[in-house]
N, C-alpha and C. Protein backbone atom coordinates (compact mmCIF):
# COMPACT_ATOMS: atom_id res chain seq x y z
N UNK A 1 0.76 -1.18 0.10
CA UNK A 1 0.00 -0.04 -0.01
C UNK A 1 0.87 1.28 -0.03
N UNK A 2 0.58 2.22 -0.87
CA UNK A 2 1.33 3.36 -1.00
C UNK A 2 0.58 4.65 -0.61
N UNK A 3 1.41 5.66 -0.04
CA UNK A 3 0.83 6.94 0.32
C UNK A 3 1.78 8.05 -0.30
N UNK A 4 1.25 9.13 -0.72
CA UNK A 4 2.03 10.28 -1.35
C UNK A 4 2.07 11.39 -0.20
N UNK A 5 3.34 11.88 -0.11
CA UNK A 5 3.49 12.97 0.84
C UNK A 5 4.75 13.74 0.36
N UNK A 6 4.51 15.04 0.18
CA UNK A 6 5.65 16.05 -0.14
C UNK A 6 6.22 15.51 -1.48
N UNK A 7 5.39 15.16 -2.44
CA UNK A 7 5.75 14.77 -3.76
C UNK A 7 6.68 13.48 -3.75
N UNK A 8 6.59 12.64 -2.67
CA UNK A 8 7.17 11.39 -2.62
C UNK A 8 6.25 10.38 -2.32
N UNK A 9 6.58 9.06 -2.81
CA UNK A 9 5.62 7.97 -2.57
C UNK A 9 6.31 7.05 -1.53
N UNK A 10 5.40 6.68 -0.48
CA UNK A 10 5.88 5.89 0.55
C UNK A 10 5.10 4.63 0.52
N UNK A 11 5.79 3.48 0.90
CA UNK A 11 5.22 2.17 0.85
C UNK A 11 4.86 1.72 2.35
N UNK A 12 3.56 1.38 2.58
CA UNK A 12 3.14 0.96 3.87
C UNK A 12 2.79 -0.68 3.77
N UNK A 13 3.43 -1.44 4.58
CA UNK A 13 3.27 -2.83 4.52
C UNK A 13 1.72 -3.22 4.88
N UNK A 14 1.21 -4.04 4.14
CA UNK A 14 -0.17 -4.63 4.30
C UNK A 14 -0.17 -6.10 4.27
N UNK A 15 0.91 -6.74 4.39
CA UNK A 15 1.00 -8.33 4.28
C UNK A 15 2.19 -8.63 5.20
N UNK A 16 2.17 -9.82 5.71
CA UNK A 16 3.35 -10.38 6.50
C UNK A 16 4.55 -10.38 5.59
N UNK A 17 4.40 -10.77 4.35
CA UNK A 17 5.49 -11.02 3.29
C UNK A 17 6.15 -9.67 3.11
N UNK A 18 5.58 -8.51 3.34
CA UNK A 18 6.24 -7.33 3.04
C UNK A 18 7.00 -6.74 4.24
N UNK A 19 7.07 -7.44 5.42
CA UNK A 19 7.87 -7.08 6.50
C UNK A 19 8.87 -8.13 6.76
N UNK A 20 10.16 -7.70 7.10
CA UNK A 20 11.14 -8.61 7.42
C UNK A 20 11.18 -8.85 9.05
N UNK A 21 11.79 -9.96 9.40
CA UNK A 21 11.89 -10.26 10.74
C UNK A 21 12.56 -9.10 11.45
N UNK A 22 13.71 -8.63 10.94
CA UNK A 22 14.46 -7.47 11.45
C UNK A 22 13.61 -6.46 11.75
N UNK A 23 12.83 -5.89 10.73
CA UNK A 23 11.90 -4.87 10.96
C UNK A 23 10.90 -5.05 12.07
N UNK A 24 10.42 -6.29 12.12
CA UNK A 24 9.40 -6.62 13.15
C UNK A 24 9.98 -6.45 14.56
N UNK A 25 11.18 -6.93 14.66
CA UNK A 25 11.92 -7.03 16.05
C UNK A 25 12.15 -5.46 16.47
N UNK A 26 12.57 -4.65 15.41
CA UNK A 26 12.84 -3.35 15.77
C UNK A 26 11.56 -2.54 16.11
N UNK A 27 10.44 -2.88 15.33
CA UNK A 27 9.21 -2.25 15.66
C UNK A 27 8.83 -2.65 17.09
N UNK A 28 8.89 -3.81 17.44
CA UNK A 28 8.61 -4.23 18.86
C UNK A 28 9.48 -3.52 19.84
N UNK A 29 10.68 -3.41 19.64
CA UNK A 29 11.55 -2.71 20.56
C UNK A 29 11.22 -1.15 20.60
N UNK A 30 11.04 -0.55 19.53
CA UNK A 30 10.87 0.85 19.51
C UNK A 30 9.52 1.33 19.99
N UNK A 31 8.50 0.56 19.48
CA UNK A 31 7.05 0.96 19.72
C UNK A 31 6.19 -0.08 20.34
N UNK A 32 6.21 -1.32 19.62
CA UNK A 32 5.29 -2.39 19.80
C UNK A 32 5.03 -2.83 21.24
N UNK A 33 6.11 -3.06 21.96
CA UNK A 33 6.06 -3.66 23.37
C UNK A 33 5.25 -2.67 24.29
N UNK A 34 5.72 -1.29 24.07
CA UNK A 34 4.98 -0.36 24.95
C UNK A 34 3.63 -0.13 24.58
N UNK A 35 3.26 -0.25 23.26
CA UNK A 35 1.97 -0.09 22.88
C UNK A 35 1.12 -1.23 23.35
N UNK A 36 1.56 -2.46 23.35
CA UNK A 36 0.95 -3.64 23.74
C UNK A 36 0.71 -3.50 25.33
N UNK A 37 1.68 -3.06 26.03
CA UNK A 37 1.47 -2.95 27.52
C UNK A 37 0.36 -1.90 27.86
N UNK A 38 0.35 -0.76 27.05
CA UNK A 38 -0.66 0.27 27.29
C UNK A 38 -2.06 -0.34 27.05
N UNK A 39 -2.13 -1.10 25.91
CA UNK A 39 -3.50 -1.65 25.57
C UNK A 39 -4.02 -2.56 26.71
N UNK A 40 -3.10 -3.35 27.32
CA UNK A 40 -3.48 -4.26 28.45
C UNK A 40 -3.98 -3.42 29.53
N UNK A 41 -3.38 -2.22 29.86
CA UNK A 41 -3.82 -1.30 30.93
C UNK A 41 -5.17 -0.88 30.69
N UNK A 42 -5.41 -0.36 29.43
CA UNK A 42 -6.72 0.25 29.02
C UNK A 42 -7.89 -0.87 29.10
N UNK A 43 -7.55 -2.03 28.68
CA UNK A 43 -8.47 -3.17 28.66
C UNK A 43 -8.86 -3.49 30.12
N UNK A 44 -8.11 -3.21 31.04
CA UNK A 44 -8.43 -3.45 32.41
C UNK A 44 -9.35 -2.42 33.11
N UNK A 45 -9.40 -1.26 32.34
CA UNK A 45 -10.12 -0.17 32.80
C UNK A 45 -11.82 -0.52 32.77
N UNK A 46 -12.59 -0.02 33.74
CA UNK A 46 -14.02 -0.22 33.66
C UNK A 46 -14.57 0.50 32.46
N UNK A 47 -15.62 -0.01 31.80
CA UNK A 47 -16.21 0.68 30.79
C UNK A 47 -16.73 2.13 31.09
N UNK A 48 -16.21 3.08 30.33
CA UNK A 48 -16.57 4.47 30.61
C UNK A 48 -16.11 5.34 29.50
N UNK A 49 -16.60 6.65 29.53
CA UNK A 49 -16.12 7.53 28.36
C UNK A 49 -14.56 7.69 28.60
N UNK A 50 -13.96 7.67 29.71
CA UNK A 50 -12.59 7.81 29.86
C UNK A 50 -11.75 6.71 29.22
N UNK A 51 -12.35 5.53 29.31
CA UNK A 51 -11.75 4.30 28.55
C UNK A 51 -11.91 4.56 27.19
N UNK A 52 -12.92 4.94 26.63
CA UNK A 52 -13.06 5.22 25.21
C UNK A 52 -12.07 6.21 24.65
N UNK A 53 -11.84 7.27 25.39
CA UNK A 53 -11.02 8.28 25.01
C UNK A 53 -9.49 7.72 25.06
N UNK A 54 -9.16 6.99 26.11
CA UNK A 54 -7.84 6.40 26.11
C UNK A 54 -7.60 5.46 24.98
N UNK A 55 -8.61 4.66 24.64
CA UNK A 55 -8.49 3.68 23.70
C UNK A 55 -8.28 4.41 22.21
N UNK A 56 -8.97 5.56 22.11
CA UNK A 56 -8.84 6.25 20.76
C UNK A 56 -7.44 6.92 20.76
N UNK A 57 -6.94 7.39 21.82
CA UNK A 57 -5.63 8.04 21.74
C UNK A 57 -4.55 7.08 21.65
N UNK A 58 -4.78 5.79 22.07
CA UNK A 58 -3.80 4.74 21.92
C UNK A 58 -3.82 4.40 20.42
N UNK A 59 -4.93 4.15 19.91
CA UNK A 59 -5.14 3.85 18.44
C UNK A 59 -4.36 4.88 17.50
N UNK A 60 -4.64 6.14 17.87
CA UNK A 60 -4.11 7.26 17.07
C UNK A 60 -2.57 7.29 17.17
N UNK A 61 -2.09 7.07 18.43
CA UNK A 61 -0.70 6.91 18.65
C UNK A 61 0.06 5.76 17.87
N UNK A 62 -0.65 4.61 17.93
CA UNK A 62 -0.19 3.49 17.28
C UNK A 62 -0.10 3.70 15.63
N UNK A 63 -1.24 4.28 15.14
CA UNK A 63 -1.20 4.60 13.72
C UNK A 63 -0.09 5.49 13.30
N UNK A 64 0.14 6.62 14.05
CA UNK A 64 1.18 7.53 13.80
C UNK A 64 2.51 6.79 13.73
N UNK A 65 2.70 6.05 14.86
CA UNK A 65 4.05 5.32 14.93
C UNK A 65 4.29 4.31 13.85
N UNK A 66 3.22 3.64 13.52
CA UNK A 66 3.26 2.51 12.49
C UNK A 66 3.72 3.22 11.22
N UNK A 67 3.02 4.32 10.83
CA UNK A 67 3.39 5.06 9.56
C UNK A 67 4.79 5.73 9.66
N UNK A 68 5.17 6.24 10.72
CA UNK A 68 6.48 6.78 10.92
C UNK A 68 7.67 5.80 10.78
N UNK A 69 7.39 4.63 11.44
CA UNK A 69 8.34 3.59 11.47
C UNK A 69 8.64 3.01 10.08
N UNK A 70 7.62 2.81 9.30
CA UNK A 70 7.78 2.10 8.07
C UNK A 70 7.99 3.05 6.87
N UNK A 71 7.81 4.27 7.06
CA UNK A 71 8.05 5.24 5.98
C UNK A 71 9.23 6.12 6.21
N UNK A 72 9.69 6.24 7.55
CA UNK A 72 10.85 7.04 7.81
C UNK A 72 10.53 8.47 7.95
N UNK A 73 9.21 8.77 7.76
CA UNK A 73 8.77 10.21 8.07
C UNK A 73 8.84 10.41 9.62
N UNK A 74 9.34 11.70 10.00
CA UNK A 74 9.50 11.91 11.41
C UNK A 74 8.04 11.77 12.13
N UNK A 75 8.12 11.17 13.33
CA UNK A 75 6.90 11.02 14.14
C UNK A 75 6.13 12.28 14.34
N UNK A 76 6.79 13.40 14.52
CA UNK A 76 6.08 14.60 14.84
C UNK A 76 5.43 15.13 13.60
N UNK A 77 6.00 14.90 12.48
CA UNK A 77 5.37 15.21 11.19
C UNK A 77 4.08 14.39 11.01
N UNK A 78 4.13 13.16 11.36
CA UNK A 78 3.01 12.32 11.14
C UNK A 78 1.81 12.96 12.07
N UNK A 79 2.13 13.37 13.28
CA UNK A 79 1.16 13.91 14.23
C UNK A 79 0.60 15.24 13.81
N UNK A 80 1.40 15.97 13.11
CA UNK A 80 0.93 17.45 12.81
C UNK A 80 0.43 17.55 11.36
N UNK A 81 0.99 16.75 10.37
CA UNK A 81 0.68 17.01 9.03
C UNK A 81 -0.38 16.07 8.42
N UNK A 82 -0.76 15.15 9.13
CA UNK A 82 -1.64 14.06 8.57
C UNK A 82 -3.04 13.97 9.30
N UNK A 83 -4.06 13.69 8.61
CA UNK A 83 -5.40 13.46 9.13
C UNK A 83 -5.35 12.10 9.92
N UNK A 84 -5.54 12.31 11.22
CA UNK A 84 -5.48 11.07 12.03
C UNK A 84 -6.46 9.99 11.72
N UNK A 85 -7.61 10.46 11.27
CA UNK A 85 -8.62 9.39 10.90
C UNK A 85 -8.21 8.65 9.68
N UNK A 86 -7.76 9.29 8.76
CA UNK A 86 -7.15 8.61 7.45
C UNK A 86 -6.11 7.67 7.91
N UNK A 87 -5.16 8.04 8.91
CA UNK A 87 -4.04 7.20 9.28
C UNK A 87 -4.73 5.96 10.01
N UNK A 88 -5.64 6.18 10.82
CA UNK A 88 -6.23 5.13 11.51
C UNK A 88 -6.90 4.14 10.61
N UNK A 89 -7.64 4.62 9.58
CA UNK A 89 -8.32 3.66 8.77
C UNK A 89 -7.39 2.87 7.84
N UNK A 90 -6.24 3.44 7.50
CA UNK A 90 -5.20 2.69 6.72
C UNK A 90 -4.50 1.66 7.75
N UNK A 91 -4.19 2.11 8.89
CA UNK A 91 -3.59 1.33 9.89
C UNK A 91 -4.37 0.11 10.28
N UNK A 92 -5.58 0.30 10.68
CA UNK A 92 -6.47 -0.80 11.09
C UNK A 92 -6.67 -1.77 9.91
N UNK A 93 -6.91 -1.22 8.70
CA UNK A 93 -6.98 -2.14 7.51
C UNK A 93 -5.72 -3.05 7.33
N UNK A 94 -4.56 -2.44 7.39
CA UNK A 94 -3.32 -3.14 7.16
C UNK A 94 -3.06 -4.18 8.33
N UNK A 95 -3.28 -3.81 9.50
CA UNK A 95 -2.93 -4.67 10.56
C UNK A 95 -4.04 -5.79 10.69
N UNK A 96 -5.22 -5.51 10.31
CA UNK A 96 -6.28 -6.48 10.27
C UNK A 96 -5.86 -7.60 9.31
N UNK A 97 -5.45 -7.16 8.15
CA UNK A 97 -5.07 -8.23 7.09
C UNK A 97 -3.94 -9.09 7.61
N UNK A 98 -2.93 -8.42 8.28
CA UNK A 98 -1.66 -9.22 8.71
C UNK A 98 -2.07 -9.99 9.90
N UNK A 99 -3.02 -9.60 10.81
CA UNK A 99 -3.57 -10.52 11.77
C UNK A 99 -4.25 -11.68 11.33
N UNK A 100 -5.12 -11.53 10.27
CA UNK A 100 -5.80 -12.60 9.62
C UNK A 100 -4.77 -13.58 9.06
N UNK A 101 -3.75 -13.03 8.36
CA UNK A 101 -2.71 -13.96 7.79
C UNK A 101 -2.04 -14.64 8.77
N UNK A 102 -1.69 -14.11 9.95
CA UNK A 102 -1.00 -14.87 10.96
C UNK A 102 -1.95 -15.90 11.54
N UNK A 103 -3.09 -15.65 11.71
CA UNK A 103 -4.03 -16.65 12.26
C UNK A 103 -4.14 -17.84 11.41
N UNK A 104 -4.05 -17.64 10.06
CA UNK A 104 -4.15 -18.72 9.03
C UNK A 104 -3.05 -19.36 8.75
N UNK A 105 -1.76 -18.94 9.24
CA UNK A 105 -0.61 -19.61 8.98
C UNK A 105 -0.43 -21.08 9.25
N UNK A 106 0.20 -21.82 8.49
CA UNK A 106 0.37 -23.22 8.63
C UNK A 106 1.84 -23.42 8.70
N UNK A 107 2.20 -24.60 9.25
CA UNK A 107 3.73 -25.00 9.18
C UNK A 107 3.85 -25.76 7.94
N UNK A 108 4.50 -25.23 7.01
CA UNK A 108 4.62 -25.72 5.58
C UNK A 108 5.72 -26.78 5.50
N UNK A 109 5.62 -27.66 4.61
CA UNK A 109 6.71 -28.77 4.34
C UNK A 109 7.98 -28.14 3.78
N UNK A 110 7.83 -27.07 3.09
CA UNK A 110 8.96 -26.30 2.56
C UNK A 110 8.69 -24.84 2.30
N UNK A 111 9.83 -24.09 2.28
CA UNK A 111 9.75 -22.63 2.12
C UNK A 111 10.69 -22.21 1.08
N UNK A 112 10.42 -21.11 0.36
CA UNK A 112 11.41 -20.58 -0.77
C UNK A 112 12.14 -19.36 -0.09
N UNK A 113 13.33 -19.57 0.11
CA UNK A 113 14.13 -18.41 0.64
C UNK A 113 15.41 -18.22 -0.29
N UNK A 114 15.49 -17.02 -0.80
CA UNK A 114 16.57 -16.61 -1.71
C UNK A 114 16.60 -17.61 -2.97
N UNK A 115 15.38 -17.89 -3.53
CA UNK A 115 15.22 -18.85 -4.54
C UNK A 115 15.67 -20.26 -4.32
N UNK A 116 15.78 -20.64 -3.10
CA UNK A 116 16.26 -21.98 -2.74
C UNK A 116 15.16 -22.69 -1.79
N UNK A 117 15.01 -23.95 -1.90
CA UNK A 117 14.03 -24.61 -1.09
C UNK A 117 14.70 -24.98 0.33
N UNK A 118 13.89 -24.54 1.40
CA UNK A 118 14.42 -24.69 2.80
C UNK A 118 13.25 -25.48 3.44
N UNK A 119 13.68 -26.20 4.55
CA UNK A 119 12.69 -26.96 5.39
C UNK A 119 13.01 -26.70 6.81
N UNK A 120 11.92 -26.88 7.70
CA UNK A 120 12.15 -26.87 9.13
C UNK A 120 12.59 -28.18 9.51
N UNK A 121 13.75 -28.21 10.10
CA UNK A 121 14.35 -29.53 10.53
C UNK A 121 14.85 -29.43 11.96
N UNK A 122 14.40 -30.18 12.90
CA UNK A 122 14.98 -30.14 14.31
C UNK A 122 16.48 -30.42 14.27
N UNK A 123 17.16 -29.56 15.02
CA UNK A 123 18.68 -29.67 14.89
C UNK A 123 19.26 -30.83 15.85
N UNK A 124 18.73 -32.05 15.63
CA UNK A 124 19.20 -33.06 16.38
C UNK A 124 20.61 -33.45 16.07
N UNK A 125 21.02 -33.15 14.80
CA UNK A 125 22.43 -33.60 14.43
C UNK A 125 23.45 -32.55 14.98
N UNK A 126 23.03 -31.67 15.84
CA UNK A 126 24.13 -30.97 16.60
C UNK A 126 24.90 -31.79 17.62
N UNK A 127 24.23 -32.99 17.76
CA UNK A 127 24.83 -34.03 18.73
C UNK A 127 25.51 -34.95 17.73
N UNK A 128 26.76 -35.09 17.77
CA UNK A 128 27.53 -35.92 16.86
C UNK A 128 27.17 -37.50 17.14
N UNK A 129 27.24 -38.25 16.18
CA UNK A 129 26.89 -39.80 16.42
C UNK A 129 28.05 -40.40 17.31
N UNK A 130 29.25 -39.85 17.39
CA UNK A 130 30.28 -40.45 18.20
C UNK A 130 30.22 -39.91 19.65
N UNK A 131 29.09 -39.22 20.01
CA UNK A 131 28.87 -38.79 21.47
C UNK A 131 28.89 -37.29 21.64
N UNK A 132 28.31 -36.88 22.64
CA UNK A 132 28.21 -35.39 22.95
C UNK A 132 29.62 -34.71 23.50
N UNK A 133 30.08 -33.93 22.63
CA UNK A 133 31.32 -33.26 23.10
C UNK A 133 31.03 -31.92 23.71
N UNK A 134 32.08 -31.37 24.37
CA UNK A 134 31.78 -30.13 25.38
C UNK A 134 31.22 -29.03 24.47
N UNK A 135 31.78 -28.77 23.24
CA UNK A 135 31.39 -27.74 22.37
C UNK A 135 29.84 -27.94 21.81
N UNK A 136 29.58 -29.21 21.55
CA UNK A 136 28.15 -29.57 21.17
C UNK A 136 27.19 -29.27 22.34
N UNK A 137 27.73 -29.62 23.55
CA UNK A 137 26.79 -29.44 24.81
C UNK A 137 26.65 -27.88 24.89
N UNK A 138 27.57 -27.02 24.75
CA UNK A 138 27.36 -25.60 24.89
C UNK A 138 26.41 -25.14 23.82
N UNK A 139 26.52 -25.61 22.68
CA UNK A 139 25.59 -25.21 21.57
C UNK A 139 24.14 -25.59 21.86
N UNK A 140 23.98 -26.80 22.42
CA UNK A 140 22.56 -27.17 22.80
C UNK A 140 22.09 -26.41 24.05
N UNK A 141 22.98 -26.18 25.01
CA UNK A 141 22.58 -25.35 26.12
C UNK A 141 22.12 -23.82 25.63
N UNK A 142 22.86 -23.30 24.72
CA UNK A 142 22.59 -22.04 24.13
C UNK A 142 21.13 -22.06 23.44
N UNK A 143 20.96 -23.18 22.74
CA UNK A 143 19.67 -23.35 22.04
C UNK A 143 18.48 -23.31 22.95
N UNK A 144 18.57 -24.19 24.10
CA UNK A 144 17.67 -24.34 25.09
C UNK A 144 17.31 -22.93 25.67
N UNK A 145 18.32 -22.23 26.06
CA UNK A 145 18.16 -20.83 26.65
C UNK A 145 17.44 -20.03 25.70
N UNK A 146 17.83 -20.01 24.43
CA UNK A 146 17.17 -19.26 23.38
C UNK A 146 15.67 -19.63 23.31
N UNK A 147 15.40 -20.88 23.24
CA UNK A 147 14.05 -21.32 23.21
C UNK A 147 13.23 -20.87 24.33
N UNK A 148 13.84 -20.94 25.50
CA UNK A 148 13.06 -20.61 26.75
C UNK A 148 12.70 -18.97 26.68
N UNK A 149 13.80 -18.27 26.35
CA UNK A 149 13.74 -16.69 26.26
C UNK A 149 12.63 -16.40 25.21
N UNK A 150 12.55 -17.08 24.04
CA UNK A 150 11.67 -16.79 22.99
C UNK A 150 10.14 -17.16 23.52
N UNK A 151 10.04 -18.35 24.17
CA UNK A 151 8.79 -18.65 24.72
C UNK A 151 8.16 -17.61 25.65
N UNK A 152 9.08 -16.80 26.20
CA UNK A 152 8.65 -15.77 27.25
C UNK A 152 8.51 -14.37 26.50
N UNK A 153 8.60 -14.38 25.22
CA UNK A 153 8.26 -13.17 24.46
C UNK A 153 9.49 -12.44 23.91
N UNK A 154 10.74 -12.97 24.02
CA UNK A 154 11.95 -12.33 23.47
C UNK A 154 12.04 -12.62 22.01
N UNK A 155 11.54 -11.81 21.19
CA UNK A 155 11.70 -11.97 19.69
C UNK A 155 13.02 -11.88 19.23
N UNK A 156 13.97 -11.29 19.99
CA UNK A 156 15.41 -11.14 19.53
C UNK A 156 16.06 -12.54 19.35
N UNK A 157 15.47 -13.57 19.95
CA UNK A 157 16.07 -14.92 19.90
C UNK A 157 15.64 -15.60 18.61
N UNK A 158 14.73 -15.16 18.00
CA UNK A 158 14.14 -15.88 16.78
C UNK A 158 15.06 -15.99 15.66
N UNK A 159 15.78 -15.02 15.29
CA UNK A 159 16.72 -15.16 14.21
C UNK A 159 17.71 -16.27 14.38
N UNK A 160 18.28 -16.40 15.56
CA UNK A 160 19.22 -17.45 15.93
C UNK A 160 18.56 -18.81 15.79
N UNK A 161 17.34 -18.86 16.37
CA UNK A 161 16.65 -20.24 16.22
C UNK A 161 16.27 -20.54 14.84
N UNK A 162 15.91 -19.57 14.05
CA UNK A 162 15.61 -19.73 12.57
C UNK A 162 16.84 -20.45 12.07
N UNK A 163 18.05 -19.85 12.34
CA UNK A 163 19.22 -20.26 11.73
C UNK A 163 19.60 -21.73 11.94
N UNK A 164 18.96 -22.21 13.20
CA UNK A 164 19.24 -23.63 13.51
C UNK A 164 18.24 -24.51 12.84
N UNK A 165 17.03 -24.09 12.94
CA UNK A 165 15.81 -24.90 12.49
C UNK A 165 15.58 -24.90 11.04
N UNK A 166 15.88 -23.82 10.25
CA UNK A 166 15.55 -23.64 8.87
C UNK A 166 16.72 -23.99 8.05
N UNK A 167 16.63 -25.03 7.19
CA UNK A 167 17.72 -25.41 6.47
C UNK A 167 17.49 -25.65 4.98
N UNK A 168 18.45 -25.45 4.12
CA UNK A 168 18.35 -25.96 2.73
C UNK A 168 18.30 -27.50 2.77
N UNK A 169 17.86 -28.07 1.69
CA UNK A 169 17.76 -29.52 1.50
C UNK A 169 19.20 -29.96 1.52
N UNK A 170 19.38 -30.94 2.38
CA UNK A 170 20.76 -31.67 2.51
C UNK A 170 21.76 -31.00 3.39
N UNK A 171 21.35 -29.80 4.02
CA UNK A 171 22.29 -28.99 4.76
C UNK A 171 22.45 -29.82 6.18
N UNK A 172 23.65 -29.79 6.73
CA UNK A 172 23.95 -30.45 7.96
C UNK A 172 24.25 -29.35 8.96
N UNK A 173 24.46 -29.83 10.22
CA UNK A 173 24.87 -28.84 11.27
C UNK A 173 26.17 -28.29 11.04
N UNK A 174 27.00 -29.14 10.53
CA UNK A 174 28.40 -28.67 10.17
C UNK A 174 28.49 -27.58 9.20
N UNK A 175 27.52 -27.78 8.18
CA UNK A 175 27.34 -26.61 7.15
C UNK A 175 26.89 -25.34 7.73
N UNK A 176 26.04 -25.42 8.73
CA UNK A 176 25.49 -24.28 9.34
C UNK A 176 26.60 -23.52 10.14
N UNK A 177 27.39 -24.36 10.84
CA UNK A 177 28.47 -23.82 11.69
C UNK A 177 29.54 -23.06 10.89
N UNK A 178 29.65 -23.43 9.67
CA UNK A 178 30.63 -22.86 8.78
C UNK A 178 30.39 -21.42 8.37
N UNK A 179 28.99 -21.06 8.37
CA UNK A 179 28.76 -19.67 8.11
C UNK A 179 27.57 -19.17 8.91
N UNK A 180 27.87 -19.42 10.16
CA UNK A 180 26.74 -18.98 11.16
C UNK A 180 26.49 -17.53 11.21
N UNK A 181 27.42 -16.65 11.12
CA UNK A 181 27.25 -15.11 11.11
C UNK A 181 26.39 -14.78 9.92
N UNK A 182 26.88 -15.22 8.80
CA UNK A 182 26.19 -14.90 7.50
C UNK A 182 24.73 -15.37 7.59
N UNK A 183 24.60 -16.54 8.18
CA UNK A 183 23.25 -17.18 8.13
C UNK A 183 22.34 -16.31 9.17
N UNK A 184 22.82 -15.82 10.20
CA UNK A 184 22.00 -15.13 11.07
C UNK A 184 21.57 -13.79 10.39
N UNK A 185 22.40 -13.23 9.51
CA UNK A 185 22.03 -11.95 8.83
C UNK A 185 20.88 -12.31 7.74
N UNK A 186 21.05 -13.58 7.12
CA UNK A 186 20.06 -13.98 6.31
C UNK A 186 18.65 -14.10 7.02
N UNK A 187 18.64 -14.73 8.11
CA UNK A 187 17.46 -14.95 8.85
C UNK A 187 16.82 -13.62 9.31
N UNK A 188 17.65 -12.65 9.58
CA UNK A 188 16.99 -11.27 9.91
C UNK A 188 16.14 -10.77 8.75
N UNK A 189 16.47 -11.14 7.51
CA UNK A 189 15.77 -10.70 6.35
C UNK A 189 14.62 -11.62 5.91
N UNK A 190 14.33 -12.66 6.73
CA UNK A 190 13.09 -13.56 6.39
C UNK A 190 11.84 -12.69 6.32
N UNK A 191 11.06 -12.99 5.29
CA UNK A 191 9.63 -12.37 5.46
C UNK A 191 8.93 -12.83 6.60
N UNK A 192 8.16 -12.01 7.26
CA UNK A 192 7.51 -12.32 8.47
C UNK A 192 6.58 -13.44 8.33
N UNK A 193 5.97 -13.82 7.21
CA UNK A 193 5.11 -15.03 7.13
C UNK A 193 5.91 -16.27 7.44
N UNK A 194 7.19 -16.28 6.89
CA UNK A 194 8.01 -17.48 7.13
C UNK A 194 8.53 -17.53 8.70
N UNK A 195 8.84 -16.33 9.17
CA UNK A 195 9.43 -16.36 10.51
C UNK A 195 8.27 -16.74 11.49
N UNK A 196 7.03 -16.28 11.25
CA UNK A 196 5.95 -16.58 12.16
C UNK A 196 5.63 -18.02 12.03
N UNK A 197 5.88 -18.59 10.86
CA UNK A 197 5.55 -20.00 10.63
C UNK A 197 6.54 -20.80 11.49
N UNK A 198 7.79 -20.41 11.57
CA UNK A 198 8.75 -21.09 12.26
C UNK A 198 8.57 -20.97 13.83
N UNK A 199 8.08 -19.71 14.09
CA UNK A 199 7.74 -19.50 15.55
C UNK A 199 6.64 -20.30 15.98
N UNK A 200 5.63 -20.56 15.12
CA UNK A 200 4.50 -21.50 15.34
C UNK A 200 5.04 -22.90 15.67
N UNK A 201 5.95 -23.31 14.80
CA UNK A 201 6.58 -24.58 14.96
C UNK A 201 7.15 -24.73 16.29
N UNK A 202 8.02 -23.77 16.55
CA UNK A 202 8.78 -23.70 17.97
C UNK A 202 7.73 -23.83 19.09
N UNK A 203 6.74 -23.03 18.98
CA UNK A 203 5.65 -22.98 20.06
C UNK A 203 5.08 -24.46 20.25
N UNK A 204 4.89 -25.09 19.02
CA UNK A 204 4.25 -26.50 19.13
C UNK A 204 5.26 -27.47 19.78
N UNK A 205 6.53 -27.24 19.33
CA UNK A 205 7.62 -28.06 19.86
C UNK A 205 7.76 -27.93 21.34
N UNK A 206 7.77 -26.65 21.78
CA UNK A 206 7.87 -26.44 23.19
C UNK A 206 6.68 -27.02 24.11
N UNK A 207 5.48 -26.98 23.49
CA UNK A 207 4.31 -27.54 24.22
C UNK A 207 4.50 -28.96 24.32
N UNK A 208 4.91 -29.55 23.25
CA UNK A 208 4.93 -31.11 23.34
C UNK A 208 6.15 -31.47 24.24
N UNK A 209 7.22 -30.75 24.24
CA UNK A 209 8.27 -31.04 25.26
C UNK A 209 7.81 -30.90 26.68
N UNK A 210 6.99 -29.80 26.96
CA UNK A 210 6.60 -29.44 28.31
C UNK A 210 5.56 -30.56 28.80
N UNK A 211 4.72 -30.84 27.91
CA UNK A 211 3.63 -31.90 28.19
C UNK A 211 4.33 -33.20 28.55
N UNK A 212 5.22 -33.55 27.65
CA UNK A 212 5.95 -34.81 27.85
C UNK A 212 6.68 -34.90 29.23
N UNK A 213 7.34 -33.71 29.45
CA UNK A 213 8.09 -33.67 30.76
C UNK A 213 7.19 -33.73 31.95
N UNK A 214 6.00 -33.00 31.90
CA UNK A 214 5.08 -33.01 32.97
C UNK A 214 4.55 -34.37 33.13
N UNK A 215 4.25 -35.14 32.11
CA UNK A 215 3.74 -36.50 32.20
C UNK A 215 4.83 -37.35 32.83
N UNK A 216 6.02 -37.24 32.59
CA UNK A 216 7.04 -38.10 33.04
C UNK A 216 7.33 -37.82 34.65
N UNK A 217 6.90 -36.56 35.05
CA UNK A 217 7.14 -36.20 36.41
C UNK A 217 5.94 -36.42 37.31
N UNK A 218 4.90 -36.80 36.76
CA UNK A 218 3.64 -37.02 37.52
C UNK A 218 3.77 -38.34 38.36
């Protein structure tokens, strides 16, 4: 979706595919987390005109920040030079589409990344067949810590987890370790529909692991 301002055209994302994982993480850090926290506060308020006013102010603020973040136009300009009702209309339309897309996401058998076929593969081969070495143990420990942090809402851990779980056909743990830094950069540029799909897989994996652990300890 495009808007014109001061003889320039700006693109506004209206699909998960049009946002990268890196952009999403920066959005959450800069604005998203605080906006989510404020929304929870307002939701707890008793129904009243004050609550309605606070909800409208929050929606206006979110719309201005959304446009500013994705266009690069200064936030103060968004607040003073744009009709807030128009911003809200476009913002709610775009985010509604993306919310629906996220709800309908499936864990796919394969994904196209950089014109290559990639699959979600549990990184069990990080444990060598000839035994668990110290370095391998440290990698596994790091992965478990990242999974736990991600499950608690730390999206910064998702690129590293994607680097471990998303692989080209035939790729091994050794291949991944050979260009880990480059791979992390690539995962930052994943379109959000793929990143969210991997996140969904990780959430399912963690639930199965937790349920299994709870069953064994009962």
